[in-house]
Amino acid sequence: MLLSEFFPMDVRYAGVSLEYQGGQMEFAPVIAASLLALVGGGTNIVLVAGFVVVAALGSVVAIWRAPETRGHR
């Protein structure tokens, strides 16, 4: 419901679709594999865990900074 509130009615479907498709973490597996290879592979997942934490914090900040849309047209 959050994404649909950011777009006017006439472009809502296209706006939500673009936002959803563009916001997917398409490159997350590539980044995680690169970080794992950087530290030599195996079970040393410290950099991968750090990447996941940074991505999660970025999501929290984005949600926190999103404007309130209740009552706005």
PDB file of N, CA and C in Angstrom:
ATOM      1  N   MET A   1       0.821  -1.193   0.000  1.00  0.00           N
ATOM      2  CA  MET A   1       0.000   0.000   0.000  1.00  0.00           C
ATOM      3  C   MET A   1       0.864   1.255   0.000  1.00  0.00           C
ATOM      4  N   LEU A   2       2.052   1.185   0.551  1.00  0.00           N
ATOM      5  CA  LEU A   2       2.915   2.364   0.653  1.00  0.00           C
ATOM      6  C   LEU A   2       3.296   2.898  -0.722  1.00  0.00           C
ATOM      7  N   LEU A   3       3.699   2.033  -1.642  1.00  0.00           N
ATOM      8  CA  LEU A   3       4.143   2.507  -2.950  1.00  0.00           C
ATOM      9  C   LEU A   3       3.024   3.158  -3.742  1.00  0.00           C
ATOM     10  N   SER A   4       1.833   2.598  -3.687  1.00  0.00           N
ATOM     11  CA  SER A   4       0.742   3.134  -4.495  1.00  0.00           C
ATOM     12  C   SER A   4       0.350   4.547  -4.071  1.00  0.00           C
ATOM     13  N   GLU A   5       0.609   4.915  -2.854  1.00  0.00           N
ATOM     14  CA  GLU A   5       0.245   6.246  -2.369  1.00  0.00           C
ATOM     15  C   GLU A   5       1.134   7.348  -2.937  1.00  0.00           C
ATOM     16  N   PHE A   6       2.269   6.996  -3.500  1.00  0.00           N
ATOM     17  CA  PHE A   6       3.199   8.000  -4.021  1.00  0.00           C
ATOM     18  C   PHE A   6       2.866   8.460  -5.440  1.00  0.00           C
ATOM     19  N   PHE A   7       1.919   7.802  -6.107  1.00  0.00           N
ATOM     20  CA  PHE A   7       1.643   8.099  -7.503  1.00  0.00           C
ATOM     21  C   PHE A   7       0.190   8.504  -7.694  1.00  0.00           C
ATOM     22  N   PRO A   8      -0.064   9.456  -8.621  1.00  0.00           N
ATOM     23  CA  PRO A   8      -1.444   9.829  -8.923  1.00  0.00           C
ATOM     24  C   PRO A   8      -2.184   8.673  -9.591  1.00  0.00           C
ATOM     25  N   MET A   9      -3.504   8.736  -9.565  1.00  0.00           N
ATOM     26  CA  MET A   9      -4.326   7.627 -10.072  1.00  0.00           C
ATOM     27  C   MET A   9      -4.031   7.276 -11.528  1.00  0.00           C
ATOM     28  N   ASP A  10      -3.782   8.262 -12.379  1.00  0.00           N
ATOM     29  CA  ASP A  10      -3.636   7.976 -13.804  1.00  0.00           C
ATOM     30  C   ASP A  10      -2.326   7.270 -14.152  1.00  0.00           C
ATOM     31  N   VAL A  11      -1.324   7.316 -13.289  1.00  0.00           N
ATOM     32  CA  VAL A  11      -0.050   6.636 -13.568  1.00  0.00           C
ATOM     33  C   VAL A  11       0.331   5.663 -12.450  1.00  0.00           C
ATOM     34  N   ARG A  12      -0.606   5.343 -11.590  1.00  0.00           N
ATOM     35  CA  ARG A  12      -0.294   4.539 -10.414  1.00  0.00           C
ATOM     36  C   ARG A  12       0.250   3.155 -10.757  1.00  0.00           C
ATOM     37  N   TYR A  13      -0.388   2.467 -11.700  1.00  0.00           N
ATOM     38  CA  TYR A  13       0.043   1.115 -12.034  1.00  0.00           C
ATOM     39  C   TYR A  13       1.471   1.124 -12.580  1.00  0.00           C
ATOM     40  N   ALA A  14       1.752   2.022 -13.519  1.00  0.00           N
ATOM     41  CA  ALA A  14       3.087   2.106 -14.107  1.00  0.00           C
ATOM     42  C   ALA A  14       4.106   2.543 -13.058  1.00  0.00           C
ATOM     43  N   GLY A  15       3.750   3.493 -12.217  1.00  0.00           N
ATOM     44  CA  GLY A  15       4.680   3.975 -11.197  1.00  0.00           C
ATOM     45  C   GLY A  15       5.050   2.906 -10.198  1.00  0.00           C
ATOM     46  N   VAL A  16       4.055   2.175  -9.730  1.00  0.00           N
ATOM     47  CA  VAL A  16       4.321   1.107  -8.762  1.00  0.00           C
ATOM     48  C   VAL A  16       5.148   0.003  -9.404  1.00  0.00           C
ATOM     49  N   SER A  17       4.849  -0.332 -10.650  1.00  0.00           N
ATOM     50  CA  SER A  17       5.579  -1.384 -11.344  1.00  0.00           C
ATOM     51  C   SER A  17       7.048  -1.000 -11.526  1.00  0.00           C
ATOM     52  N   LEU A  18       7.293   0.212 -11.977  1.00  0.00           N
ATOM     53  CA  LEU A  18       8.675   0.659 -12.151  1.00  0.00           C
ATOM     54  C   LEU A  18       9.416   0.711 -10.823  1.00  0.00           C
ATOM     55  N   GLU A  19       8.756   1.201  -9.805  1.00  0.00           N
ATOM     56  CA  GLU A  19       9.375   1.286  -8.482  1.00  0.00           C
ATOM     57  C   GLU A  19       9.700  -0.100  -7.942  1.00  0.00           C
ATOM     58  N   TYR A  20       8.777  -1.026  -8.101  1.00  0.00           N
ATOM     59  CA  TYR A  20       8.976  -2.379  -7.590  1.00  0.00           C
ATOM     60  C   TYR A  20      10.100  -3.083  -8.336  1.00  0.00           C
ATOM     61  N   GLN A  21      10.068  -3.014  -9.664  1.00  0.00           N
ATOM     62  CA  GLN A  21      11.079  -3.696 -10.463  1.00  0.00           C
ATOM     63  C   GLN A  21      12.448  -3.047 -10.303  1.00  0.00           C
ATOM     64  N   GLY A  22      12.491  -1.742 -10.203  1.00  0.00           N
ATOM     65  CA  GLY A  22      13.767  -1.047 -10.048  1.00  0.00           C
ATOM     66  C   GLY A  22      14.337  -1.168  -8.649  1.00  0.00           C
ATOM     67  N   GLY A  23      13.487  -1.405  -7.695  1.00  0.00           N
ATOM     68  CA  GLY A  23      13.948  -1.471  -6.321  1.00  0.00           C
ATOM     69  C   GLY A  23      14.389  -2.846  -5.873  1.00  0.00           C
ATOM     70  N   GLN A  24      14.227  -3.833  -6.715  1.00  0.00           N
ATOM     71  CA  GLN A  24      14.667  -5.182  -6.346  1.00  0.00           C
ATOM     72  C   GLN A  24      16.186  -5.202  -6.245  1.00  0.00           C
ATOM     73  N   MET A  25      16.672  -6.017  -5.358  1.00  0.00           N
ATOM     74  CA  MET A  25      18.127  -6.127  -5.211  1.00  0.00           C
ATOM     75  C   MET A  25      18.650  -7.115  -6.250  1.00  0.00           C
ATOM     76  N   GLU A  26      18.670  -6.683  -7.512  1.00  0.00           N
ATOM     77  CA  GLU A  26      19.069  -7.545  -8.612  1.00  0.00           C
ATOM     78  C   GLU A  26      20.529  -7.952  -8.519  1.00  0.00           C
ATOM     79  N   PHE A  27      21.340  -7.084  -8.003  1.00  0.00           N
ATOM     80  CA  PHE A  27      22.770  -7.336  -7.984  1.00  0.00           C
ATOM     81  C   PHE A  27      23.271  -7.863  -6.645  1.00  0.00           C
ATOM     82  N   ALA A  28      22.373  -8.087  -5.714  1.00  0.00           N
ATOM     83  CA  ALA A  28      22.782  -8.562  -4.390  1.00  0.00           C
ATOM     84  C   ALA A  28      23.540  -9.888  -4.448  1.00  0.00           C
ATOM     85  N   PRO A  29      23.097 -10.888  -5.213  1.00  0.00           N
ATOM     86  CA  PRO A  29      23.864 -12.140  -5.262  1.00  0.00           C
ATOM     87  C   PRO A  29      25.257 -11.952  -5.856  1.00  0.00           C
ATOM     88  N   VAL A  30      25.373 -11.073  -6.859  1.00  0.00           N
ATOM     89  CA  VAL A  30      26.677 -10.818  -7.470  1.00  0.00           C
ATOM     90  C   VAL A  30      27.603 -10.119  -6.470  1.00  0.00           C
ATOM     91  N   ILE A  31      27.057  -9.143  -5.764  1.00  0.00           N
ATOM     92  CA  ILE A  31      27.856  -8.426  -4.765  1.00  0.00           C
ATOM     93  C   ILE A  31      28.266  -9.369  -3.642  1.00  0.00           C
ATOM     94  N   ALA A  32      27.340 -10.197  -3.167  1.00  0.00           N
ATOM     95  CA  ALA A  32      27.658 -11.132  -2.086  1.00  0.00           C
ATOM     96  C   ALA A  32      28.706 -12.140  -2.521  1.00  0.00           C
ATOM     97  N   ALA A  33      28.584 -12.658  -3.739  1.00  0.00           N
ATOM     98  CA  ALA A  33      29.583 -13.614  -4.230  1.00  0.00           C
ATOM     99  C   ALA A  33      30.946 -12.952  -4.382  1.00  0.00           C
ATOM    100  N   SER A  34      30.964 -11.704  -4.828  1.00  0.00           N
ATOM    101  CA  SER A  34      32.229 -10.981  -4.966  1.00  0.00           C
ATOM    102  C   SER A  34      32.880 -10.732  -3.609  1.00  0.00           C
ATOM    103  N   LEU A  35      32.065 -10.363  -2.637  1.00  0.00           N
ATOM    104  CA  LEU A  35      32.605 -10.141  -1.292  1.00  0.00           C
ATOM    105  C   LEU A  35      33.129 -11.439  -0.685  1.00  0.00           C
ATOM    106  N   LEU A  36      32.426 -12.527  -0.927  1.00  0.00           N
ATOM    107  CA  LEU A  36      32.856 -13.817  -0.421  1.00  0.00           C
ATOM    108  C   LEU A  36      34.159 -14.248  -1.091  1.00  0.00           C
ATOM    109  N   ALA A  37      34.267 -14.008  -2.390  1.00  0.00           N
ATOM    110  CA  ALA A  37      35.503 -14.344  -3.100  1.00  0.00           C
ATOM    111  C   ALA A  37      36.662 -13.463  -2.642  1.00  0.00           C
ATOM    112  N   LEU A  38      36.352 -12.226  -2.277  1.00  0.00           N
ATOM    113  CA  LEU A  38      37.380 -11.288  -1.826  1.00  0.00           C
ATOM    114  C   LEU A  38      38.075 -11.765  -0.560  1.00  0.00           C
ATOM    115  N   VAL A  39      37.320 -12.426   0.317  1.00  0.00           N
ATOM    116  CA  VAL A  39      37.902 -12.905   1.570  1.00  0.00           C
ATOM    117  C   VAL A  39      38.337 -14.364   1.494  1.00  0.00           C
ATOM    118  N   GLY A  40      38.307 -14.934   0.299  1.00  0.00           N
ATOM    119  CA  GLY A  40      38.808 -16.284   0.139  1.00  0.00           C
ATOM    120  C   GLY A  40      37.763 -17.376   0.196  1.00  0.00           C
ATOM    121  N   GLY A  41      36.490 -17.024   0.222  1.00  0.00           N
ATOM    122  CA  GLY A  41      35.426 -18.024   0.225  1.00  0.00           C
ATOM    123  C   GLY A  41      35.302 -18.743   1.545  1.00  0.00           C
ATOM    124  N   GLY A  42      34.816 -19.961   1.484  1.00  0.00           N
ATOM    125  CA  GLY A  42      34.636 -20.744   2.701  1.00  0.00           C
ATOM    126  C   GLY A  42      33.503 -20.230   3.554  1.00  0.00           C
ATOM    127  N   THR A  43      33.729 -20.242   4.840  1.00  0.00           N
ATOM    128  CA  THR A  43      32.682 -19.819   5.770  1.00  0.00           C
ATOM    129  C   THR A  43      32.921 -18.421   6.330  1.00  0.00           C
ATOM    130  N   ASN A  44      33.850 -17.693   5.774  1.00  0.00           N
ATOM    131  CA  ASN A  44      34.149 -16.337   6.224  1.00  0.00           C
ATOM    132  C   ASN A  44      33.150 -15.378   5.568  1.00  0.00           C
ATOM    133  N   ILE A  45      32.029 -15.157   6.230  1.00  0.00           N
ATOM    134  CA  ILE A  45      30.944 -14.370   5.641  1.00  0.00           C
ATOM    135  C   ILE A  45      30.790 -12.997   6.279  1.00  0.00           C
ATOM    136  N   VAL A  46      31.843 -12.500   6.887  1.00  0.00           N
ATOM    137  CA  VAL A  46      31.756 -11.218   7.598  1.00  0.00           C
ATOM    138  C   VAL A  46      31.387 -10.084   6.643  1.00  0.00           C
ATOM    139  N   LEU A  47      32.030 -10.010   5.477  1.00  0.00           N
ATOM    140  CA  LEU A  47      31.715  -8.929   4.542  1.00  0.00           C
ATOM    141  C   LEU A  47      30.307  -9.067   3.969  1.00  0.00           C
ATOM    142  N   VAL A  48      29.882 -10.289   3.719  1.00  0.00           N
ATOM    143  CA  VAL A  48      28.527 -10.509   3.208  1.00  0.00           C
ATOM    144  C   VAL A  48      27.500 -10.094   4.264  1.00  0.00           C
ATOM    145  N   ALA A  49      27.738 -10.442   5.504  1.00  0.00           N
ATOM    146  CA  ALA A  49      26.840 -10.037   6.588  1.00  0.00           C
ATOM    147  C   ALA A  49      26.807  -8.513   6.716  1.00  0.00           C
ATOM    148  N   GLY A  50      27.960  -7.884   6.576  1.00  0.00           N
ATOM    149  CA  GLY A  50      28.013  -6.427   6.620  1.00  0.00           C
ATOM    150  C   GLY A  50      27.217  -5.795   5.491  1.00  0.00           C
ATOM    151  N   PHE A  51      27.300  -6.393   4.304  1.00  0.00           N
ATOM    152  CA  PHE A  51      26.538  -5.907   3.157  1.00  0.00           C
ATOM    153  C   PHE A  51      25.036  -6.006   3.424  1.00  0.00           C
ATOM    154  N   VAL A  52      24.603  -7.106   3.997  1.00  0.00           N
ATOM    155  CA  VAL A  52      23.187  -7.293   4.306  1.00  0.00           C
ATOM    156  C   VAL A  52      22.727  -6.273   5.344  1.00  0.00           C
ATOM    157  N   VAL A  53      23.557  -6.017   6.340  1.00  0.00           N
ATOM    158  CA  VAL A  53      23.217  -5.032   7.376  1.00  0.00           C
ATOM    159  C   VAL A  53      23.106  -3.631   6.762  1.00  0.00           C
ATOM    160  N   VAL A  54      24.042  -3.270   5.893  1.00  0.00           N
ATOM    161  CA  VAL A  54      23.995  -1.952   5.252  1.00  0.00           C
ATOM    162  C   VAL A  54      22.759  -1.819   4.373  1.00  0.00           C
ATOM    163  N   ALA A  55      22.416  -2.865   3.631  1.00  0.00           N
ATOM    164  CA  ALA A  55      21.208  -2.834   2.795  1.00  0.00           C
ATOM    165  C   ALA A  55      19.954  -2.691   3.656  1.00  0.00           C
ATOM    166  N   ALA A  56      19.908  -3.397   4.775  1.00  0.00           N
ATOM    167  CA  ALA A  56      18.754  -3.302   5.673  1.00  0.00           C
ATOM    168  C   ALA A  56      18.649  -1.912   6.284  1.00  0.00           C
ATOM    169  N   LEU A  57      19.778  -1.343   6.687  1.00  0.00           N
ATOM    170  CA  LEU A  57      19.758   0.012   7.245  1.00  0.00           C
ATOM    171  C   LEU A  57      19.319   1.035   6.202  1.00  0.00           C
ATOM    172  N   GLY A  58      19.741   0.819   4.959  1.00  0.00           N
ATOM    173  CA  GLY A  58      19.283   1.698   3.880  1.00  0.00           C
ATOM    174  C   GLY A  58      17.770   1.641   3.706  1.00  0.00           C
ATOM    175  N   SER A  59      17.201   0.464   3.841  1.00  0.00           N
ATOM    176  CA  SER A  59      15.747   0.317   3.752  1.00  0.00           C
ATOM    177  C   SER A  59      15.049   1.021   4.900  1.00  0.00           C
ATOM    178  N   VAL A  60      15.596   0.882   6.090  1.00  0.00           N
ATOM    179  CA  VAL A  60      14.998   1.534   7.261  1.00  0.00           C
ATOM    180  C   VAL A  60      15.028   3.050   7.101  1.00  0.00           C
ATOM    181  N   VAL A  61      16.139   3.585   6.622  1.00  0.00           N
ATOM    182  CA  VAL A  61      16.248   5.033   6.418  1.00  0.00           C
ATOM    183  C   VAL A  61      15.261   5.497   5.351  1.00  0.00           C
ATOM    184  N   ALA A  62      15.123   4.726   4.263  1.00  0.00           N
ATOM    185  CA  ALA A  62      14.192   5.103   3.198  1.00  0.00           C
ATOM    186  C   ALA A  62      12.757   5.126   3.705  1.00  0.00           C
ATOM    187  N   ILE A  63      12.385   4.150   4.505  1.00  0.00           N
ATOM    188  CA  ILE A  63      11.025   4.121   5.066  1.00  0.00           C
ATOM    189  C   ILE A  63      10.828   5.264   6.050  1.00  0.00           C
ATOM    190  N   TRP A  64      11.827   5.539   6.860  1.00  0.00           N
ATOM    191  CA  TRP A  64      11.745   6.604   7.849  1.00  0.00           C
ATOM    192  C   TRP A  64      11.614   7.969   7.176  1.00  0.00           C
ATOM    193  N   ARG A  65      12.300   8.155   6.038  1.00  0.00           N
ATOM    194  CA  ARG A  65      12.295   9.440   5.346  1.00  0.00           C
ATOM    195  C   ARG A  65      11.105   9.611   4.395  1.00  0.00           C
ATOM    196  N   ALA A  66      10.337   8.559   4.167  1.00  0.00           N
ATOM    197  CA  ALA A  66       9.191   8.651   3.251  1.00  0.00           C
ATOM    198  C   ALA A  66       8.160   9.620   3.827  1.00  0.00           C
ATOM    199  N   PRO A  67       7.581  10.442   2.968  1.00  0.00           N
ATOM    200  CA  PRO A  67       6.614  11.431   3.461  1.00  0.00           C
ATOM    201  C   PRO A  67       5.296  10.774   3.861  1.00  0.00           C
ATOM    202  N   GLU A  68       4.601  11.398   4.768  1.00  0.00           N
ATOM    203  CA  GLU A  68       3.264  10.947   5.145  1.00  0.00           C
ATOM    204  C   GLU A  68       2.313  11.343   4.024  1.00  0.00           C
ATOM    205  N   THR A  69       1.524  10.406   3.549  1.00  0.00           N
ATOM    206  CA  THR A  69       0.623  10.673   2.428  1.00  0.00           C
ATOM    207  C   THR A  69      -0.826  10.697   2.828  1.00  0.00           C
ATOM    208  N   ARG A  70      -1.143  10.469   4.076  1.00  0.00           N
ATOM    209  CA  ARG A  70      -2.538  10.471   4.518  1.00  0.00           C
ATOM    210  C   ARG A  70      -3.118  11.860   4.359  1.00  0.00           C
ATOM    211  N   GLY A  71      -4.235  11.947   3.681  1.00  0.00           N
ATOM    212  CA  GLY A  71      -4.909  13.220   3.501  1.00  0.00           C
ATOM    213  C   GLY A  71      -4.419  14.034   2.326  1.00  0.00           C
ATOM    214  N   HIS A  72      -3.385  13.583   1.626  1.00  0.00           N
ATOM    215  CA  HIS A  72      -2.859  14.303   0.456  1.00  0.00           C
ATOM    216  C   HIS A  72      -3.419  13.708  -0.821  1.00  0.00           C
ATOM    217  N   ARG A  73      -3.609  14.529  -1.817  1.00  0.00           N
ATOM    218  CA  ARG A  73      -4.099  14.028  -3.127  1.00  0.00           C
ATOM    219  C   ARG A  73      -3.091  14.250  -4.166  1.00  0.00           C
TER     220      ARG A  73
END
